[in-house]
């Protein structure tokens, strides 16, 4: 179980709810201050009117949902009246939280990224050509929760993914990779946005 989701899930709910426009909205974990900077888990939070919901993924056996109440107090985010995370940055589009050992950078998702046609876009059992910011990269396939690269077989793949719909955002979590939000399909091209230190436009087409 990852640090943030563990913090959230083990305590009872006993805060008074209060809205805070600085934090209300949906935030996705983009990078950390670890050596690789890519988190070893994926997580998305929605804060609204004093309540939060989160979904986290770190493998086949580790997908978790959590919810509760939150309060902002000075430079702290208090979850469920007990867990206090330091806020070292709060901006319109990014927020940095710290625990005792790690800094977590979350980026706010704009409502324009919500995908109303996600049920029309399928990945499982398909293979795609991919460009990131116009640069061609290896073909990618999706099958039964695994990512397949180039000519890799299903049995060979050890890279996992999970697709979720979180408050209207169509999100793909992938091990050892930045999280991606599926914006929509335009003609034969699926457009996604990847969130790391920068935001990347990703275009995919079925092969």
Foldseek 3Di string as FASTA:
>chain_A
DDDVVVLAAPAAADDDWAADVLQAAKKWWAFKPDPLRGDQKTKMWGDGRQKMKMWIDRDDVDIDIGMYGWDDDDQWIDHRNPDTWGWPDGDNFWTWTHDPPMIIIITGDDPLQFAPPVVVDDQAPFKKWKDKQNHTDFIWHHHDQFIATHPRDPVRTPKGWDWDQDPRWTWIDIGPAFIKTFRQDDVQWTWIWGGHVDIIIMIIGTD
